[in-house]
Amino acid sequence: MASIQRTRISSSVVGIIRLWLLVFVPFVVLPFLFLSGKVVPYTALWGHAVFHLIYLPIAAAGWWAVWRFVREPSHLALRVIAGLMLLCQTSFLFGHAGELVSVVQRGFFSAPYSIFSENPHMFFAMFAVAGIMASELLLIVLTVTAAVQRLLRRSPRVTGRQAYEYRGAR
């Protein structure tokens, strides 16, 4: 029984690590590389299109990881948080795909900088930004909840005096 519980806990830990790698890391790295102007200059019109092209399959993999995690944990709180995170990731995917279509319609690799303030792109960007920000917050909540659950599931350690008293009570 203990080995089964250890396997379940370790698969939960692996699932959370997978979520951090597929949801949080791209959220930090890709905008820095393509939209900040520090790596790809603002004058490079292709940076925005490449950002959407690279991020969309990563976001789909992140959605898959969240969907897989929803089925794994035995604790209801983790399932509910992961379910909410799945909803937010779906919103993010919808918005990000819409932004990509908007960029393709406006010239793809030569889309103007003004696309950031135009209606179709901004409409989908609101879904994408709200979805990814809520996903990031829920990922933190999920991690803290899983850590608390793991601490609560640990069996109390028996000290020498407690073992002696237990043996003597027989």
C-alpha atoms as a PDB file:
ATOM      1  CA  MET A   1       0.000   0.000   0.000  1.00  0.00           C
ATOM      2  CA  ALA A   2       2.799   2.396   0.865  1.00  0.00           C
ATOM      3  CA  SER A   3       4.518   1.756  -2.475  1.00  0.00           C
ATOM      4  CA  ILE A   4       1.251   2.482  -4.314  1.00  0.00           C
ATOM      5  CA  GLN A   5       0.871   5.752  -2.414  1.00  0.00           C
ATOM      6  CA  ARG A   6       4.492   6.687  -3.167  1.00  0.00           C
ATOM      7  CA  THR A   7       3.924   6.013  -6.872  1.00  0.00           C
ATOM      8  CA  ARG A   8       0.796   8.174  -6.861  1.00  0.00           C
ATOM      9  CA  ILE A   9       2.620  11.006  -5.101  1.00  0.00           C
ATOM     10  CA  SER A  10       5.612  10.830  -7.429  1.00  0.00           C
ATOM     11  CA  SER A  11       3.356  10.845 -10.513  1.00  0.00           C
ATOM     12  CA  SER A  12       1.668  13.937  -9.101  1.00  0.00           C
ATOM     13  CA  VAL A  13       5.061  15.581  -8.627  1.00  0.00           C
ATOM     14  CA  VAL A  14       6.065  14.649 -12.179  1.00  0.00           C
ATOM     15  CA  GLY A  15       2.770  16.086 -13.439  1.00  0.00           C
ATOM     16  CA  ILE A  16       3.332  19.371 -11.631  1.00  0.00           C
ATOM     17  CA  ILE A  17       6.902  19.613 -12.935  1.00  0.00           C
ATOM     18  CA  ARG A  18       5.566  18.952 -16.451  1.00  0.00           C
ATOM     19  CA  LEU A  19       3.046  21.771 -15.976  1.00  0.00           C
ATOM     20  CA  TRP A  20       5.733  24.196 -14.837  1.00  0.00           C
ATOM     21  CA  LEU A  21       7.874  23.299 -17.873  1.00  0.00           C
ATOM     22  CA  LEU A  22       5.042  23.564 -20.405  1.00  0.00           C
ATOM     23  CA  VAL A  23       3.021  26.448 -18.941  1.00  0.00           C
ATOM     24  CA  PHE A  24       5.331  28.719 -16.942  1.00  0.00           C
ATOM     25  CA  VAL A  25       8.716  28.468 -18.675  1.00  0.00           C
ATOM     26  CA  PRO A  26       7.425  29.357 -22.188  1.00  0.00           C
ATOM     27  CA  PHE A  27       5.385  32.190 -20.656  1.00  0.00           C
ATOM     28  CA  VAL A  28       8.604  33.722 -19.331  1.00  0.00           C
ATOM     29  CA  VAL A  29      11.072  32.840 -22.088  1.00  0.00           C
ATOM     30  CA  LEU A  30       9.195  33.394 -25.376  1.00  0.00           C
ATOM     31  CA  PRO A  31       7.907  36.941 -24.774  1.00  0.00           C
ATOM     32  CA  PHE A  32      11.381  37.900 -23.565  1.00  0.00           C
ATOM     33  CA  LEU A  33      12.983  36.489 -26.716  1.00  0.00           C
ATOM     34  CA  PHE A  34      10.539  37.779 -29.317  1.00  0.00           C
ATOM     35  CA  LEU A  35       8.559  40.713 -27.901  1.00  0.00           C
ATOM     36  CA  SER A  36      10.787  42.517 -25.424  1.00  0.00           C
ATOM     37  CA  GLY A  37      13.099  44.037 -28.026  1.00  0.00           C
ATOM     38  CA  LYS A  38      16.182  42.774 -26.177  1.00  0.00           C
ATOM     39  CA  VAL A  39      16.864  39.691 -28.337  1.00  0.00           C
ATOM     40  CA  VAL A  40      14.788  40.309 -31.467  1.00  0.00           C
ATOM     41  CA  PRO A  41      14.704  44.061 -32.137  1.00  0.00           C
ATOM     42  CA  TYR A  42      11.400  45.913 -32.344  1.00  0.00           C
ATOM     43  CA  THR A  43      12.171  46.776 -35.957  1.00  0.00           C
ATOM     44  CA  ALA A  44      12.149  43.086 -36.947  1.00  0.00           C
ATOM     45  CA  LEU A  45       8.572  42.601 -38.115  1.00  0.00           C
ATOM     46  CA  TRP A  46       8.965  38.827 -38.272  1.00  0.00           C
ATOM     47  CA  GLY A  47       9.461  38.484 -34.481  1.00  0.00           C
ATOM     48  CA  HIS A  48       5.764  38.766 -33.695  1.00  0.00           C
ATOM     49  CA  ALA A  49       4.774  36.101 -36.236  1.00  0.00           C
ATOM     50  CA  VAL A  50       7.521  33.732 -35.091  1.00  0.00           C
ATOM     51  CA  PHE A  51       6.422  34.235 -31.478  1.00  0.00           C
ATOM     52  CA  HIS A  52       2.897  33.065 -32.342  1.00  0.00           C
ATOM     53  CA  LEU A  53       4.139  30.189 -34.504  1.00  0.00           C
ATOM     54  CA  ILE A  54       6.406  28.830 -31.785  1.00  0.00           C
ATOM     55  CA  TYR A  55       4.091  29.454 -28.831  1.00  0.00           C
ATOM     56  CA  LEU A  56       0.957  27.830 -30.333  1.00  0.00           C
ATOM     57  CA  PRO A  57       2.250  24.209 -30.345  1.00  0.00           C
ATOM     58  CA  ILE A  58       3.820  24.729 -26.917  1.00  0.00           C
ATOM     59  CA  ALA A  59       0.490  26.057 -25.626  1.00  0.00           C
ATOM     60  CA  ALA A  60      -1.256  22.996 -27.094  1.00  0.00           C
ATOM     61  CA  ALA A  61       1.236  20.730 -25.312  1.00  0.00           C
ATOM     62  CA  GLY A  62       0.583  22.671 -22.103  1.00  0.00           C
ATOM     63  CA  TRP A  63      -3.180  22.176 -22.583  1.00  0.00           C
ATOM     64  CA  TRP A  64      -2.563  18.440 -23.040  1.00  0.00           C
ATOM     65  CA  ALA A  65      -0.455  18.326 -19.859  1.00  0.00           C
ATOM     66  CA  VAL A  66      -3.185  20.085 -17.867  1.00  0.00           C
ATOM     67  CA  TRP A  67      -5.855  17.765 -19.322  1.00  0.00           C
ATOM     68  CA  ARG A  68      -3.730  14.762 -18.367  1.00  0.00           C
ATOM     69  CA  PHE A  69      -3.198  16.157 -14.868  1.00  0.00           C
ATOM     70  CA  VAL A  70      -6.957  16.594 -14.325  1.00  0.00           C
ATOM     71  CA  ARG A  71      -7.337  12.810 -14.457  1.00  0.00           C
ATOM     72  CA  GLU A  72      -4.372  11.959 -12.191  1.00  0.00           C
ATOM     73  CA  PRO A  73      -4.811  13.289  -8.646  1.00  0.00           C
ATOM     74  CA  SER A  74      -7.026  11.531  -6.172  1.00  0.00           C
ATOM     75  CA  HIS A  75      -7.712  14.678  -4.171  1.00  0.00           C
ATOM     76  CA  LEU A  76     -10.753  16.686  -5.231  1.00  0.00           C
ATOM     77  CA  ALA A  77      -9.131  20.086  -4.619  1.00  0.00           C
ATOM     78  CA  LEU A  78      -6.309  19.312  -7.064  1.00  0.00           C
ATOM     79  CA  ARG A  79      -8.808  18.155  -9.692  1.00  0.00           C
ATOM     80  CA  VAL A  80     -10.910  21.306  -9.321  1.00  0.00           C
ATOM     81  CA  ILE A  81      -7.874  23.595  -9.565  1.00  0.00           C
ATOM     82  CA  ALA A  82      -6.577  21.671 -12.581  1.00  0.00           C
ATOM     83  CA  GLY A  83     -10.044  21.823 -14.169  1.00  0.00           C
ATOM     84  CA  LEU A  84     -10.126  25.605 -13.767  1.00  0.00           C
ATOM     85  CA  MET A  85      -6.629  25.747 -15.174  1.00  0.00           C
ATOM     86  CA  LEU A  86      -7.801  23.699 -18.171  1.00  0.00           C
ATOM     87  CA  LEU A  87     -10.555  26.243 -18.787  1.00  0.00           C
ATOM     88  CA  CYS A  88      -8.010  29.072 -18.653  1.00  0.00           C
ATOM     89  CA  GLN A  89      -5.620  27.225 -20.963  1.00  0.00           C
ATOM     90  CA  THR A  90      -8.500  26.729 -23.426  1.00  0.00           C
ATOM     91  CA  SER A  91      -9.136  30.476 -23.377  1.00  0.00           C
ATOM     92  CA  PHE A  92      -5.423  31.058 -23.929  1.00  0.00           C
ATOM     93  CA  LEU A  93      -5.320  28.655 -26.895  1.00  0.00           C
ATOM     94  CA  PHE A  94      -8.391  30.288 -28.464  1.00  0.00           C
ATOM     95  CA  GLY A  95      -6.917  33.764 -28.051  1.00  0.00           C
ATOM     96  CA  HIS A  96      -3.447  32.815 -29.212  1.00  0.00           C
ATOM     97  CA  ALA A  97      -4.754  31.028 -32.316  1.00  0.00           C
ATOM     98  CA  GLY A  98      -6.927  34.062 -33.081  1.00  0.00           C
ATOM     99  CA  GLU A  99      -3.931  36.343 -32.728  1.00  0.00           C
ATOM    100  CA  LEU A 100      -1.965  34.150 -35.142  1.00  0.00           C
ATOM    101  CA  VAL A 101      -4.780  34.277 -37.708  1.00  0.00           C
ATOM    102  CA  SER A 102      -4.911  38.051 -37.287  1.00  0.00           C
ATOM    103  CA  VAL A 103      -1.157  38.312 -37.884  1.00  0.00           C
ATOM    104  CA  VAL A 104      -1.388  36.066 -40.958  1.00  0.00           C
ATOM    105  CA  GLN A 105      -4.180  38.225 -42.394  1.00  0.00           C
ATOM    106  CA  ARG A 106      -2.138  41.404 -41.913  1.00  0.00           C
ATOM    107  CA  GLY A 107       0.976  40.199 -43.728  1.00  0.00           C
ATOM    108  CA  PHE A 108       2.371  37.400 -41.511  1.00  0.00           C
ATOM    109  CA  PHE A 109       6.143  38.021 -41.326  1.00  0.00           C
ATOM    110  CA  SER A 110       5.731  41.603 -42.471  1.00  0.00           C
ATOM    111  CA  ALA A 111       2.718  42.493 -40.290  1.00  0.00           C
ATOM    112  CA  PRO A 112       2.979  46.125 -39.155  1.00  0.00           C
ATOM    113  CA  TYR A 113       3.652  47.141 -35.586  1.00  0.00           C
ATOM    114  CA  SER A 114       0.215  48.809 -35.514  1.00  0.00           C
ATOM    115  CA  ILE A 115      -1.374  45.349 -35.346  1.00  0.00           C
ATOM    116  CA  PHE A 116      -0.889  45.456 -31.563  1.00  0.00           C
ATOM    117  CA  SER A 117      -3.576  48.145 -31.338  1.00  0.00           C
ATOM    118  CA  GLU A 118      -5.976  46.923 -34.036  1.00  0.00           C
ATOM    119  CA  ASN A 119      -9.297  45.308 -33.230  1.00  0.00           C
ATOM    120  CA  PRO A 120      -9.091  41.643 -34.310  1.00  0.00           C
ATOM    121  CA  HIS A 121      -5.677  41.175 -32.729  1.00  0.00           C
ATOM    122  CA  MET A 122      -6.678  42.989 -29.526  1.00  0.00           C
ATOM    123  CA  PHE A 123      -9.940  41.024 -29.234  1.00  0.00           C
ATOM    124  CA  PHE A 124      -8.083  37.709 -29.272  1.00  0.00           C
ATOM    125  CA  ALA A 125      -5.228  39.082 -27.186  1.00  0.00           C
ATOM    126  CA  MET A 126      -7.650  39.753 -24.326  1.00  0.00           C
ATOM    127  CA  PHE A 127      -8.589  36.049 -24.259  1.00  0.00           C
ATOM    128  CA  ALA A 128      -4.961  34.978 -24.523  1.00  0.00           C
ATOM    129  CA  VAL A 129      -3.602  37.312 -21.843  1.00  0.00           C
ATOM    130  CA  ALA A 130      -6.456  36.667 -19.392  1.00  0.00           C
ATOM    131  CA  GLY A 131      -6.188  32.907 -19.948  1.00  0.00           C
ATOM    132  CA  ILE A 132      -2.429  32.655 -19.495  1.00  0.00           C
ATOM    133  CA  MET A 133      -2.322  34.978 -16.470  1.00  0.00           C
ATOM    134  CA  ALA A 134      -5.094  33.026 -14.736  1.00  0.00           C
ATOM    135  CA  SER A 135      -3.291  29.774 -15.640  1.00  0.00           C
ATOM    136  CA  GLU A 136      -0.076  31.016 -14.072  1.00  0.00           C
ATOM    137  CA  LEU A 137      -1.861  31.989 -10.857  1.00  0.00           C
ATOM    138  CA  LEU A 138      -3.703  28.662 -10.749  1.00  0.00           C
ATOM    139  CA  LEU A 139      -0.411  26.830 -11.322  1.00  0.00           C
ATOM    140  CA  ILE A 140       0.987  28.466  -8.196  1.00  0.00           C
ATOM    141  CA  VAL A 141      -2.188  27.587  -6.259  1.00  0.00           C
ATOM    142  CA  LEU A 142      -2.027  24.008  -7.579  1.00  0.00           C
ATOM    143  CA  THR A 143       1.602  23.633  -6.532  1.00  0.00           C
ATOM    144  CA  VAL A 144       0.984  24.996  -3.026  1.00  0.00           C
ATOM    145  CA  THR A 145      -2.122  22.825  -2.596  1.00  0.00           C
ATOM    146  CA  ALA A 146      -0.260  19.706  -3.743  1.00  0.00           C
ATOM    147  CA  ALA A 147       2.606  20.476  -1.358  1.00  0.00           C
ATOM    148  CA  VAL A 148       0.203  20.926   1.558  1.00  0.00           C
ATOM    149  CA  GLN A 149      -1.601  17.707   0.643  1.00  0.00           C
ATOM    150  CA  ARG A 150       1.694  15.854   0.489  1.00  0.00           C
ATOM    151  CA  LEU A 151       2.698  17.160   3.912  1.00  0.00           C
ATOM    152  CA  LEU A 152      -0.663  16.181   5.381  1.00  0.00           C
ATOM    153  CA  ARG A 153      -0.450  12.647   3.957  1.00  0.00           C
ATOM    154  CA  ARG A 154       2.866  11.889   5.623  1.00  0.00           C
ATOM    155  CA  SER A 155       2.558   9.558   8.519  1.00  0.00           C
ATOM    156  CA  PRO A 156       3.760  10.928  11.846  1.00  0.00           C
ATOM    157  CA  ARG A 157       7.184   9.717  12.847  1.00  0.00           C
ATOM    158  CA  VAL A 158       7.457   7.566  15.918  1.00  0.00           C
ATOM    159  CA  THR A 159      10.088   8.611  18.412  1.00  0.00           C
ATOM    160  CA  GLY A 160      11.888   6.198  20.707  1.00  0.00           C
ATOM    161  CA  ARG A 161       9.729   7.025  23.743  1.00  0.00           C
ATOM    162  CA  GLN A 162       6.477   6.675  21.787  1.00  0.00           C
ATOM    163  CA  ALA A 163       7.594   3.247  20.498  1.00  0.00           C
ATOM    164  CA  TYR A 164       8.406   2.140  24.022  1.00  0.00           C
ATOM    165  CA  GLU A 165       5.025   3.286  25.341  1.00  0.00           C
ATOM    166  CA  TYR A 166       3.244   1.590  22.442  1.00  0.00           C
ATOM    167  CA  ARG A 167       5.075  -1.704  23.062  1.00  0.00           C
ATOM    168  CA  GLY A 168       4.341  -1.544  26.773  1.00  0.00           C
ATOM    169  CA  ALA A 169       0.617  -0.982  26.277  1.00  0.00           C
ATOM    170  CA  ARG A 170       0.135  -4.441  24.800  1.00  0.00           C
END
